Amino acid sequence: MTIPRTATVPGMTFEWSAPEGQPLNFNPVKAFRNAGFKVQALYCASMVSDGTNYFVVSAPGKRPGFLSIYAFDAPTATSVASWSISYRLDGYIPSLAEVQNGGDLLATGDCSTETFGHVEQISHAGAVALMKRMTSGSGIEAPR
């Protein structure tokens, strides 16, 4: 990870792969919950084993964010597991159409697959309202 050279950073991305046959045994939703964040599902992959799931994470006194997690062969990772976790810090919540137009045609508003366990679902309008409410008066610029 490198230190940004600008005052504001729009996001962070972490990527890694597990050795073949070695499961990661990592649940990012559980990790955020253990850190005191509320995690709400926004859009999800239609398959459990491959795809990107999108979440809104928030906690009092902490910067809320838009979290996208790509996982291949998750959560059991019986062959090869790879992860890409992106965390947007700019407060912007893309719509489902924007996510799909960005190349994730398999994203859906149906999060019943529960790849990372049961997660309360939130609508796009609810996520935008939450982001604005949590950033107002906090010194964090509200999303447009």
Protein backbone atom coordinates (compact mmCIF):
# COMPACT_ATOMS: atom_id res chain seq x y z
CA MET A 1 0.00 0.00 0.00
CA THR A 2 1.36 3.43 -0.86
CA ILE A 3 0.77 6.77 0.79
CA PRO A 4 -1.39 9.04 -1.37
CA ARG A 5 0.10 12.27 -2.63
CA THR A 6 -3.17 14.22 -2.59
CA ALA A 7 -5.18 15.58 0.31
CA THR A 8 -8.25 13.48 -0.43
CA VAL A 9 -8.24 9.89 -1.55
CA PRO A 10 -11.34 8.62 -3.38
CA GLY A 11 -10.79 5.02 -2.31
CA MET A 12 -8.54 2.11 -1.49
CA THR A 13 -8.23 -1.33 -3.10
CA PHE A 14 -6.69 -4.46 -1.64
CA GLU A 15 -6.13 -7.55 -3.79
CA TRP A 16 -4.66 -10.92 -2.97
CA SER A 17 -4.86 -14.60 -3.88
CA ALA A 18 -4.61 -17.71 -1.77
CA PRO A 19 -2.34 -20.58 -2.76
CA GLU A 20 -4.16 -23.37 -4.60
CA GLY A 21 -6.05 -25.60 -2.22
CA GLN A 22 -5.62 -23.20 0.71
CA PRO A 23 -8.86 -21.49 1.75
CA LEU A 24 -8.57 -17.94 3.02
CA ASN A 25 -11.13 -18.50 5.77
CA PHE A 26 -11.79 -14.76 5.66
CA ASN A 27 -15.17 -13.07 5.78
CA PRO A 28 -14.84 -9.32 5.09
CA VAL A 29 -18.38 -8.61 6.28
CA LYS A 30 -17.59 -10.22 9.63
CA ALA A 31 -14.29 -8.29 9.81
CA PHE A 32 -16.07 -4.94 9.33
CA ARG A 33 -18.71 -5.91 11.89
CA ASN A 34 -15.99 -6.86 14.37
CA ALA A 35 -14.47 -3.39 13.84
CA GLY A 36 -17.78 -1.81 14.91
CA PHE A 37 -19.26 -1.08 11.47
CA LYS A 38 -22.84 -1.70 10.42
CA VAL A 39 -22.79 -3.54 7.09
CA GLN A 40 -25.75 -3.37 4.71
CA ALA A 41 -26.02 -5.13 1.35
CA LEU A 42 -26.71 -2.90 -1.64
CA TYR A 43 -26.12 -5.07 -4.74
CA CYS A 44 -25.00 -8.67 -4.94
CA ALA A 45 -23.60 -11.24 -7.32
CA SER A 46 -26.08 -13.75 -8.66
CA MET A 47 -23.72 -16.64 -7.77
CA VAL A 48 -22.17 -17.45 -4.40
CA SER A 49 -18.87 -18.73 -5.79
CA ASP A 50 -17.92 -15.93 -8.17
CA GLY A 51 -18.82 -12.26 -8.39
CA THR A 52 -18.84 -8.89 -6.74
CA ASN A 53 -21.00 -7.94 -3.78
CA TYR A 54 -21.55 -4.29 -2.85
CA PHE A 55 -22.14 -3.01 0.68
CA VAL A 56 -22.62 0.22 2.59
CA VAL A 57 -20.57 0.30 5.79
CA SER A 58 -21.09 2.86 8.54
CA ALA A 59 -20.36 3.49 12.20
CA PRO A 60 -20.81 6.51 14.48
CA GLY A 61 -17.74 8.74 14.35
CA LYS A 62 -16.22 6.83 11.42
CA ARG A 63 -16.21 7.70 7.74
CA PRO A 64 -18.98 5.76 5.97
CA GLY A 65 -18.09 4.02 2.76
CA PHE A 66 -19.14 2.00 -0.24
CA LEU A 67 -17.49 -1.40 -0.17
CA SER A 68 -17.23 -3.71 -3.16
CA ILE A 69 -15.87 -7.21 -2.69
CA TYR A 70 -14.98 -9.45 -5.60
CA ALA A 71 -14.44 -13.02 -4.54
CA PHE A 72 -13.72 -16.06 -6.65
CA ASP A 73 -14.45 -19.42 -5.06
CA ALA A 74 -15.66 -17.81 -1.85
CA PRO A 75 -16.46 -18.43 0.91
CA THR A 76 -15.12 -22.00 1.01
CA ALA A 77 -12.22 -21.47 -1.40
CA THR A 78 -11.77 -25.14 -2.20
CA SER A 79 -9.52 -24.52 -5.21
CA VAL A 80 -8.09 -21.05 -5.77
CA ALA A 81 -9.42 -18.00 -3.98
CA SER A 82 -8.83 -14.45 -5.06
CA TRP A 83 -10.14 -11.29 -3.47
CA SER A 84 -10.40 -7.68 -4.48
CA ILE A 85 -11.81 -5.35 -1.86
CA SER A 86 -12.42 -1.72 -2.83
CA TYR A 87 -13.53 0.89 -0.34
CA ARG A 88 -14.79 4.23 -1.67
CA LEU A 89 -14.17 7.14 0.65
CA ASP A 90 -15.68 9.93 -1.42
CA GLY A 91 -19.24 9.28 -0.22
CA TYR A 92 -20.60 8.52 -3.68
CA ILE A 93 -23.04 5.59 -3.97
CA PRO A 94 -23.38 4.37 -7.56
CA SER A 95 -26.75 3.16 -8.78
CA LEU A 96 -27.25 -0.44 -9.93
CA ALA A 97 -27.31 0.82 -13.53
CA GLU A 98 -23.92 2.53 -13.01
CA VAL A 99 -22.45 -0.67 -11.55
CA GLN A 100 -23.79 -2.68 -14.48
CA ASN A 101 -22.64 -0.09 -17.04
CA GLY A 102 -19.21 -0.24 -15.39
CA GLY A 103 -18.92 -3.86 -16.48
CA ASP A 104 -20.57 -5.85 -13.69
CA LEU A 105 -23.52 -7.15 -15.68
CA LEU A 106 -24.22 -9.87 -13.11
CA ALA A 107 -24.89 -7.44 -10.26
CA THR A 108 -28.44 -7.55 -8.99
CA GLY A 109 -30.57 -6.00 -6.28
CA ASP A 110 -31.37 -9.49 -4.98
CA CYS A 111 -28.99 -10.37 -2.14
CA SER A 112 -30.65 -13.65 -1.15
CA THR A 113 -27.53 -15.70 -2.00
CA GLU A 114 -25.99 -14.54 1.31
CA THR A 115 -22.41 -15.20 0.19
CA PHE A 116 -21.04 -13.72 3.41
CA GLY A 117 -23.96 -14.71 5.64
CA HIS A 118 -27.15 -12.79 6.33
CA VAL A 119 -26.77 -9.06 5.72
CA GLU A 120 -29.58 -6.51 6.00
CA GLN A 121 -30.34 -5.03 2.59
CA ILE A 122 -30.57 -1.29 1.89
CA SER A 123 -31.98 0.47 -1.18
CA HIS A 124 -29.95 2.90 -3.28
CA ALA A 125 -32.08 5.82 -2.04
CA GLY A 126 -31.62 4.64 1.55
CA ALA A 127 -27.85 4.35 1.07
CA VAL A 128 -27.60 7.87 -0.40
CA ALA A 129 -29.68 9.29 2.47
CA LEU A 130 -27.55 7.45 5.05
CA MET A 131 -24.34 8.74 3.48
CA LYS A 132 -25.61 12.34 3.48
CA ARG A 133 -26.87 12.07 7.05
CA MET A 134 -23.59 10.62 8.35
CA THR A 135 -21.38 13.14 6.55
CA SER A 136 -23.34 16.30 7.41
CA GLY A 137 -21.61 18.29 10.14
CA SER A 138 -18.71 15.84 10.30
CA GLY A 139 -16.24 17.76 8.19
CA ILE A 140 -16.59 15.12 5.49
CA GLU A 141 -17.84 16.54 2.23
CA ALA A 142 -21.31 15.24 1.45
CA PRO A 143 -21.73 13.39 -1.85
CA ARG A 144 -23.40 15.21 -4.71
